[in-house]
PDB file of N, CA and C in Angstrom:
ATOM      1  N   MET A   1     -23.772  -6.096 -10.444  1.00  0.00           N
ATOM      2  CA  MET A   1     -23.050  -6.615  -9.306  1.00  0.00           C
ATOM      3  C   MET A   1     -21.959  -5.621  -8.919  1.00  0.00           C
ATOM      4  N   LYS A   2     -21.767  -5.449  -7.666  1.00  0.00           N
ATOM      5  CA  LYS A   2     -20.711  -4.561  -7.177  1.00  0.00           C
ATOM      6  C   LYS A   2     -19.342  -5.177  -7.487  1.00  0.00           C
ATOM      7  N   LEU A   3     -18.359  -4.327  -7.754  1.00  0.00           N
ATOM      8  CA  LEU A   3     -17.023  -4.794  -8.103  1.00  0.00           C
ATOM      9  C   LEU A   3     -16.420  -5.625  -6.979  1.00  0.00           C
ATOM     10  N   ARG A   4     -16.543  -5.185  -5.753  1.00  0.00           N
ATOM     11  CA  ARG A   4     -15.971  -5.935  -4.626  1.00  0.00           C
ATOM     12  C   ARG A   4     -16.606  -7.320  -4.515  1.00  0.00           C
ATOM     13  N   GLU A   5     -17.915  -7.411  -4.728  1.00  0.00           N
ATOM     14  CA  GLU A   5     -18.599  -8.708  -4.699  1.00  0.00           C
ATOM     15  C   GLU A   5     -18.052  -9.611  -5.792  1.00  0.00           C
ATOM     16  N   TYR A   6     -17.868  -9.056  -6.974  1.00  0.00           N
ATOM     17  CA  TYR A   6     -17.337  -9.827  -8.087  1.00  0.00           C
ATOM     18  C   TYR A   6     -15.958 -10.382  -7.739  1.00  0.00           C
ATOM     19  N   ILE A   7     -15.086  -9.546  -7.228  1.00  0.00           N
ATOM     20  CA  ILE A   7     -13.736  -9.983  -6.865  1.00  0.00           C
ATOM     21  C   ILE A   7     -13.795 -11.067  -5.793  1.00  0.00           C
ATOM     22  N   ASN A   8     -14.651 -10.891  -4.806  1.00  0.00           N
ATOM     23  CA  ASN A   8     -14.774 -11.882  -3.725  1.00  0.00           C
ATOM     24  C   ASN A   8     -15.259 -13.238  -4.224  1.00  0.00           C
ATOM     25  N   ARG A   9     -16.048 -13.264  -5.274  1.00  0.00           N
ATOM     26  CA  ARG A   9     -16.606 -14.511  -5.793  1.00  0.00           C
ATOM     27  C   ARG A   9     -15.627 -15.303  -6.648  1.00  0.00           C
ATOM     28  N   LEU A  10     -14.551 -14.675  -7.068  1.00  0.00           N
ATOM     29  CA  LEU A  10     -13.599 -15.351  -7.949  1.00  0.00           C
ATOM     30  C   LEU A  10     -12.720 -16.320  -7.167  1.00  0.00           C
ATOM     31  N   ASP A  11     -12.556 -17.534  -7.703  1.00  0.00           N
ATOM     32  CA  ASP A  11     -11.606 -18.472  -7.095  1.00  0.00           C
ATOM     33  C   ASP A  11     -10.199 -18.017  -7.487  1.00  0.00           C
ATOM     34  N   PRO A  12      -9.166 -18.576  -6.866  1.00  0.00           N
ATOM     35  CA  PRO A  12      -7.800 -18.098  -7.140  1.00  0.00           C
ATOM     36  C   PRO A  12      -7.406 -18.100  -8.619  1.00  0.00           C
ATOM     37  N   ASP A  13      -7.785 -19.131  -9.364  1.00  0.00           N
ATOM     38  CA  ASP A  13      -7.442 -19.174 -10.789  1.00  0.00           C
ATOM     39  C   ASP A  13      -8.172 -18.081 -11.571  1.00  0.00           C
ATOM     40  N   ALA A  14      -9.446 -17.907 -11.280  1.00  0.00           N
ATOM     41  CA  ALA A  14     -10.232 -16.872 -11.956  1.00  0.00           C
ATOM     42  C   ALA A  14      -9.731 -15.475 -11.584  1.00  0.00           C
ATOM     43  N   LEU A  15      -9.302 -15.297 -10.335  1.00  0.00           N
ATOM     44  CA  LEU A  15      -8.760 -14.013  -9.883  1.00  0.00           C
ATOM     45  C   LEU A  15      -7.474 -13.685 -10.645  1.00  0.00           C
ATOM     46  N   ASN A  16      -6.611 -14.681 -10.794  1.00  0.00           N
ATOM     47  CA  ASN A  16      -5.372 -14.493 -11.562  1.00  0.00           C
ATOM     48  C   ASN A  16      -5.681 -14.147 -13.010  1.00  0.00           C
ATOM     49  N   ALA A  17      -6.648 -14.835 -13.589  1.00  0.00           N
ATOM     50  CA  ALA A  17      -7.017 -14.588 -14.985  1.00  0.00           C
ATOM     51  C   ALA A  17      -7.600 -13.183 -15.158  1.00  0.00           C
ATOM     52  N   TYR A  18      -8.459 -12.759 -14.232  1.00  0.00           N
ATOM     53  CA  TYR A  18      -9.064 -11.425 -14.297  1.00  0.00           C
ATOM     54  C   TYR A  18      -7.989 -10.347 -14.198  1.00  0.00           C
ATOM     55  N   ALA A  19      -7.077 -10.509 -13.254  1.00  0.00           N
ATOM     56  CA  ALA A  19      -5.986  -9.540 -13.105  1.00  0.00           C
ATOM     57  C   ALA A  19      -5.143  -9.481 -14.383  1.00  0.00           C
ATOM     58  N   ALA A  20      -4.851 -10.631 -14.949  1.00  0.00           N
ATOM     59  CA  ALA A  20      -4.050 -10.675 -16.178  1.00  0.00           C
ATOM     60  C   ALA A  20      -4.775  -9.978 -17.327  1.00  0.00           C
ATOM     61  N   ARG A  21      -6.076 -10.218 -17.447  1.00  0.00           N
ATOM     62  CA  ARG A  21      -6.844  -9.564 -18.517  1.00  0.00           C
ATOM     63  C   ARG A  21      -6.872  -8.046 -18.329  1.00  0.00           C
ATOM     64  N   CYS A  22      -6.853  -7.613 -17.071  1.00  0.00           N
ATOM     65  CA  CYS A  22      -6.849  -6.170 -16.769  1.00  0.00           C
ATOM     66  C   CYS A  22      -5.438  -5.582 -16.790  1.00  0.00           C
ATOM     67  N   ARG A  23      -4.451  -6.447 -16.969  1.00  0.00           N
ATOM     68  CA  ARG A  23      -3.033  -6.051 -17.023  1.00  0.00           C
ATOM     69  C   ARG A  23      -2.552  -5.404 -15.730  1.00  0.00           C
ATOM     70  N   ILE A  24      -2.950  -6.032 -14.621  1.00  0.00           N
ATOM     71  CA  ILE A  24      -2.480  -5.598 -13.308  1.00  0.00           C
ATOM     72  C   ILE A  24      -2.080  -6.837 -12.509  1.00  0.00           C
ATOM     73  N   ALA A  25      -1.304  -6.637 -11.458  1.00  0.00           N
ATOM     74  CA  ALA A  25      -0.907  -7.737 -10.581  1.00  0.00           C
ATOM     75  C   ALA A  25      -2.077  -8.137  -9.691  1.00  0.00           C
ATOM     76  N   VAL A  26      -2.111  -9.404  -9.325  1.00  0.00           N
ATOM     77  CA  VAL A  26      -3.167  -9.887  -8.433  1.00  0.00           C
ATOM     78  C   VAL A  26      -3.117  -9.136  -7.105  1.00  0.00           C
ATOM     79  N   SER A  27      -1.936  -8.863  -6.608  1.00  0.00           N
ATOM     80  CA  SER A  27      -1.808  -8.140  -5.339  1.00  0.00           C
ATOM     81  C   SER A  27      -2.408  -6.735  -5.448  1.00  0.00           C
ATOM     82  N   TYR A  28      -2.228  -6.080  -6.579  1.00  0.00           N
ATOM     83  CA  TYR A  28      -2.813  -4.751  -6.801  1.00  0.00           C
ATOM     84  C   TYR A  28      -4.335  -4.852  -6.850  1.00  0.00           C
ATOM     85  N   LEU A  29      -4.837  -5.894  -7.493  1.00  0.00           N
ATOM     86  CA  LEU A  29      -6.285  -6.117  -7.568  1.00  0.00           C
ATOM     87  C   LEU A  29      -6.872  -6.349  -6.178  1.00  0.00           C
ATOM     88  N   ARG A  30      -6.222  -7.186  -5.384  1.00  0.00           N
ATOM     89  CA  ARG A  30      -6.720  -7.525  -4.047  1.00  0.00           C
ATOM     90  C   ARG A  30      -6.686  -6.335  -3.086  1.00  0.00           C
ATOM     91  N   LEU A  31      -5.695  -5.507  -3.201  1.00  0.00           N
ATOM     92  CA  LEU A  31      -5.550  -4.409  -2.246  1.00  0.00           C
ATOM     93  C   LEU A  31      -6.107  -3.093  -2.779  1.00  0.00           C
ATOM     94  N   HIS A  32      -5.561  -2.588  -3.846  1.00  0.00           N
ATOM     95  CA  HIS A  32      -5.901  -1.246  -4.305  1.00  0.00           C
ATOM     96  C   HIS A  32      -7.210  -1.165  -5.079  1.00  0.00           C
ATOM     97  N   VAL A  33      -7.513  -2.188  -5.849  1.00  0.00           N
ATOM     98  CA  VAL A  33      -8.776  -2.173  -6.591  1.00  0.00           C
ATOM     99  C   VAL A  33      -9.932  -2.561  -5.673  1.00  0.00           C
ATOM    100  N   LYS A  34      -9.803  -3.686  -4.986  1.00  0.00           N
ATOM    101  CA  LYS A  34     -10.895  -4.177  -4.144  1.00  0.00           C
ATOM    102  C   LYS A  34     -11.325  -3.157  -3.100  1.00  0.00           C
ATOM    103  N   TYR A  35     -10.367  -2.476  -2.496  1.00  0.00           N
ATOM    104  CA  TYR A  35     -10.688  -1.514  -1.439  1.00  0.00           C
ATOM    105  C   TYR A  35     -10.625  -0.061  -1.906  1.00  0.00           C
ATOM    106  N   ALA A  36     -10.441   0.157  -3.188  1.00  0.00           N
ATOM    107  CA  ALA A  36     -10.431   1.495  -3.790  1.00  0.00           C
ATOM    108  C   ALA A  36      -9.493   2.447  -3.052  1.00  0.00           C
ATOM    109  N   THR A  37      -8.268   1.978  -2.817  1.00  0.00           N
ATOM    110  CA  THR A  37      -7.306   2.795  -2.079  1.00  0.00           C
ATOM    111  C   THR A  37      -6.495   3.737  -2.966  1.00  0.00           C
ATOM    112  N   LYS A  38      -6.533   3.522  -4.265  1.00  0.00           N
ATOM    113  CA  LYS A  38      -5.819   4.401  -5.198  1.00  0.00           C
ATOM    114  C   LYS A  38      -6.764   4.782  -6.327  1.00  0.00           C
ATOM    115  N   ASP A  39      -6.556   5.962  -6.879  1.00  0.00           N
ATOM    116  CA  ASP A  39      -7.358   6.393  -8.023  1.00  0.00           C
ATOM    117  C   ASP A  39      -6.893   5.640  -9.263  1.00  0.00           C
ATOM    118  N   PRO A  40      -7.808   4.945  -9.929  1.00  0.00           N
ATOM    119  CA  PRO A  40      -7.430   4.167 -11.114  1.00  0.00           C
ATOM    120  C   PRO A  40      -7.341   5.030 -12.369  1.00  0.00           C
ATOM    121  N   SER A  41      -6.598   4.543 -13.330  1.00  0.00           N
ATOM    122  CA  SER A  41      -6.537   5.212 -14.635  1.00  0.00           C
ATOM    123  C   SER A  41      -7.834   4.928 -15.384  1.00  0.00           C
ATOM    124  N   VAL A  42      -8.088   5.725 -16.394  1.00  0.00           N
ATOM    125  CA  VAL A  42      -9.278   5.525 -17.218  1.00  0.00           C
ATOM    126  C   VAL A  42      -9.215   4.157 -17.894  1.00  0.00           C
ATOM    127  N   SER A  43      -8.047   3.770 -18.373  1.00  0.00           N
ATOM    128  CA  SER A  43      -7.931   2.472 -19.041  1.00  0.00           C
ATOM    129  C   SER A  43      -8.186   1.319 -18.082  1.00  0.00           C
ATOM    130  N   LEU A  44      -7.765   1.445 -16.820  1.00  0.00           N
ATOM    131  CA  LEU A  44      -8.034   0.396 -15.838  1.00  0.00           C
ATOM    132  C   LEU A  44      -9.527   0.318 -15.523  1.00  0.00           C
ATOM    133  N   ILE A  45     -10.165   1.454 -15.386  1.00  0.00           N
ATOM    134  CA  ILE A  45     -11.616   1.473 -15.126  1.00  0.00           C
ATOM    135  C   ILE A  45     -12.355   0.735 -16.243  1.00  0.00           C
ATOM    136  N   LYS A  46     -11.996   1.044 -17.468  1.00  0.00           N
ATOM    137  CA  LYS A  46     -12.638   0.379 -18.615  1.00  0.00           C
ATOM    138  C   LYS A  46     -12.347  -1.114 -18.613  1.00  0.00           C
ATOM    139  N   SER A  47     -11.106  -1.487 -18.314  1.00  0.00           N
ATOM    140  CA  SER A  47     -10.722  -2.897 -18.293  1.00  0.00           C
ATOM    141  C   SER A  47     -11.468  -3.668 -17.211  1.00  0.00           C
ATOM    142  N   LEU A  48     -11.601  -3.086 -16.041  1.00  0.00           N
ATOM    143  CA  LEU A  48     -12.290  -3.762 -14.945  1.00  0.00           C
ATOM    144  C   LEU A  48     -13.727  -4.105 -15.330  1.00  0.00           C
ATOM    145  N   ALA A  49     -14.378  -3.199 -16.010  1.00  0.00           N
ATOM    146  CA  ALA A  49     -15.754  -3.461 -16.456  1.00  0.00           C
ATOM    147  C   ALA A  49     -15.766  -4.462 -17.606  1.00  0.00           C
ATOM    148  N   ARG A  50     -14.982  -4.209 -18.615  1.00  0.00           N
ATOM    149  CA  ARG A  50     -14.976  -5.066 -19.810  1.00  0.00           C
ATOM    150  C   ARG A  50     -14.553  -6.498 -19.489  1.00  0.00           C
ATOM    151  N   GLU A  51     -13.499  -6.654 -18.719  1.00  0.00           N
ATOM    152  CA  GLU A  51     -12.942  -7.983 -18.459  1.00  0.00           C
ATOM    153  C   GLU A  51     -13.718  -8.771 -17.404  1.00  0.00           C
ATOM    154  N   SER A  52     -14.712  -8.148 -16.779  1.00  0.00           N
ATOM    155  CA  SER A  52     -15.577  -8.894 -15.859  1.00  0.00           C
ATOM    156  C   SER A  52     -16.607  -9.704 -16.633  1.00  0.00           C
ATOM    157  N   GLU A  53     -16.555  -9.587 -17.946  1.00  0.00           N
ATOM    158  CA  GLU A  53     -17.451 -10.334 -18.835  1.00  0.00           C
ATOM    159  C   GLU A  53     -18.917 -10.045 -18.526  1.00  0.00           C
ATOM    160  N   SER A  54     -19.223  -8.757 -18.426  1.00  0.00           N
ATOM    161  CA  SER A  54     -20.588  -8.242 -18.193  1.00  0.00           C
ATOM    162  C   SER A  54     -21.122  -8.481 -16.786  1.00  0.00           C
ATOM    163  N   SER A  55     -20.272  -8.909 -15.865  1.00  0.00           N
ATOM    164  CA  SER A  55     -20.723  -9.087 -14.482  1.00  0.00           C
ATOM    165  C   SER A  55     -20.779  -7.762 -13.737  1.00  0.00           C
ATOM    166  N   VAL A  56     -19.884  -6.845 -14.096  1.00  0.00           N
ATOM    167  CA  VAL A  56     -19.811  -5.532 -13.456  1.00  0.00           C
ATOM    168  C   VAL A  56     -19.888  -4.482 -14.563  1.00  0.00           C
ATOM    169  N   SER A  57     -20.801  -3.549 -14.425  1.00  0.00           N
ATOM    170  CA  SER A  57     -20.946  -2.505 -15.444  1.00  0.00           C
ATOM    171  C   SER A  57     -19.932  -1.382 -15.218  1.00  0.00           C
ATOM    172  N   LEU A  58     -19.755  -0.583 -16.236  1.00  0.00           N
ATOM    173  CA  LEU A  58     -18.873   0.573 -16.118  1.00  0.00           C
ATOM    174  C   LEU A  58     -19.374   1.512 -15.025  1.00  0.00           C
ATOM    175  N   ALA A  59     -20.680   1.714 -14.941  1.00  0.00           N
ATOM    176  CA  ALA A  59     -21.252   2.574 -13.899  1.00  0.00           C
ATOM    177  C   ALA A  59     -20.947   2.031 -12.503  1.00  0.00           C
ATOM    178  N   GLU A  60     -20.972   0.719 -12.352  1.00  0.00           N
ATOM    179  CA  GLU A  60     -20.672   0.119 -11.042  1.00  0.00           C
ATOM    180  C   GLU A  60     -19.203   0.272 -10.680  1.00  0.00           C
ATOM    181  N   VAL A  61     -18.325   0.192 -11.664  1.00  0.00           N
ATOM    182  CA  VAL A  61     -16.895   0.420 -11.406  1.00  0.00           C
ATOM    183  C   VAL A  61     -16.677   1.868 -10.992  1.00  0.00           C
ATOM    184  N   LEU A  62     -17.309   2.788 -11.702  1.00  0.00           N
ATOM    185  CA  LEU A  62     -17.180   4.208 -11.349  1.00  0.00           C
ATOM    186  C   LEU A  62     -17.698   4.466  -9.941  1.00  0.00           C
ATOM    187  N   GLU A  63     -18.822   3.877  -9.602  1.00  0.00           N
ATOM    188  CA  GLU A  63     -19.388   4.046  -8.259  1.00  0.00           C
ATOM    189  C   GLU A  63     -18.454   3.466  -7.198  1.00  0.00           C
ATOM    190  N   HIS A  64     -17.838   2.321  -7.483  1.00  0.00           N
ATOM    191  CA  HIS A  64     -16.909   1.678  -6.547  1.00  0.00           C
ATOM    192  C   HIS A  64     -15.771   2.626  -6.156  1.00  0.00           C
ATOM    193  N   PHE A  65     -15.287   3.368  -7.135  1.00  0.00           N
ATOM    194  CA  PHE A  65     -14.183   4.289  -6.882  1.00  0.00           C
ATOM    195  C   PHE A  65     -14.653   5.689  -6.483  1.00  0.00           C
ATOM    196  N   GLY A  66     -15.953   5.877  -6.321  1.00  0.00           N
ATOM    197  CA  GLY A  66     -16.481   7.163  -5.875  1.00  0.00           C
ATOM    198  C   GLY A  66     -16.415   8.239  -6.934  1.00  0.00           C
ATOM    199  N   ILE A  67     -16.506   7.862  -8.197  1.00  0.00           N
ATOM    200  CA  ILE A  67     -16.366   8.818  -9.283  1.00  0.00           C
ATOM    201  C   ILE A  67     -17.713   9.382  -9.726  1.00  0.00           C
ATOM    202  N   THR A  68     -18.806   8.726  -9.431  1.00  0.00           N
ATOM    203  CA  THR A  68     -20.127   9.193  -9.852  1.00  0.00           C
ATOM    204  C   THR A  68     -20.664  10.247  -8.900  1.00  0.00           C
ATOM    205  N   GLU A  69     -21.636  11.008  -9.363  1.00  0.00           N
ATOM    206  CA  GLU A  69     -22.262  12.023  -8.518  1.00  0.00           C
ATOM    207  C   GLU A  69     -22.949  11.395  -7.324  1.00  0.00           C
ATOM    208  N   ALA A  70     -23.633  10.270  -7.539  1.00  0.00           N
ATOM    209  CA  ALA A  70     -24.344   9.598  -6.448  1.00  0.00           C
ATOM    210  C   ALA A  70     -23.374   9.156  -5.358  1.00  0.00           C
ATOM    211  N   ALA A  71     -22.242   8.621  -5.757  1.00  0.00           N
ATOM    212  CA  ALA A  71     -21.241   8.182  -4.777  1.00  0.00           C
ATOM    213  C   ALA A  71     -20.665   9.372  -4.038  1.00  0.00           C
ATOM    214  N   SER A  72     -20.440  10.465  -4.742  1.00  0.00           N
ATOM    215  CA  SER A  72     -19.920  11.674  -4.099  1.00  0.00           C
ATOM    216  C   SER A  72     -20.907  12.237  -3.094  1.00  0.00           C
ATOM    217  N   GLU A  73     -22.182  12.226  -3.431  1.00  0.00           N
ATOM    218  CA  GLU A  73     -23.209  12.722  -2.517  1.00  0.00           C
ATOM    219  C   GLU A  73     -23.326  11.840  -1.272  1.00  0.00           C
ATOM    220  N   ASN A  74     -23.184  10.529  -1.440  1.00  0.00           N
ATOM    221  CA  ASN A  74     -23.254   9.605  -0.302  1.00  0.00           C
ATOM    222  C   ASN A  74     -22.080   9.830   0.647  1.00  0.00           C
ATOM    223  N   LYS A  75     -20.903  10.110   0.129  1.00  0.00           N
ATOM    224  CA  LYS A  75     -19.747  10.372   0.973  1.00  0.00           C
ATOM    225  C   LYS A  75     -19.900  11.673   1.741  1.00  0.00           C
ATOM    226  N   ALA A  76     -20.557  12.660   1.129  1.00  0.00           N
ATOM    227  CA  ALA A  76     -20.726  13.965   1.761  1.00  0.00           C
ATOM    228  C   ALA A  76     -21.757  13.907   2.890  1.00  0.00           C
ATOM    229  N   ALA A  77     -22.668  12.987   2.813  1.00  0.00           N
ATOM    230  CA  ALA A  77     -23.763  12.907   3.812  1.00  0.00           C
ATOM    231  C   ALA A  77     -23.336  12.305   5.111  1.00  0.00           C
TER     232      ALA A  77
END
């Protein structure tokens, strides 16, 4: 599942819990993570995948932020 889809599916309580497990503010999750407006730290990338409880893979988080080769090639095209 794509990270943005996962975030969109969370109800407000689940969104708060996910942000807390990732050790970030809900506002940061809604703006900077959901829309990939800032480069995340390695620990945040790992947390986003791990704390999604297997809903989002590490590869999908990397792709969301444009860190994979495939994502880089798609942006260049």
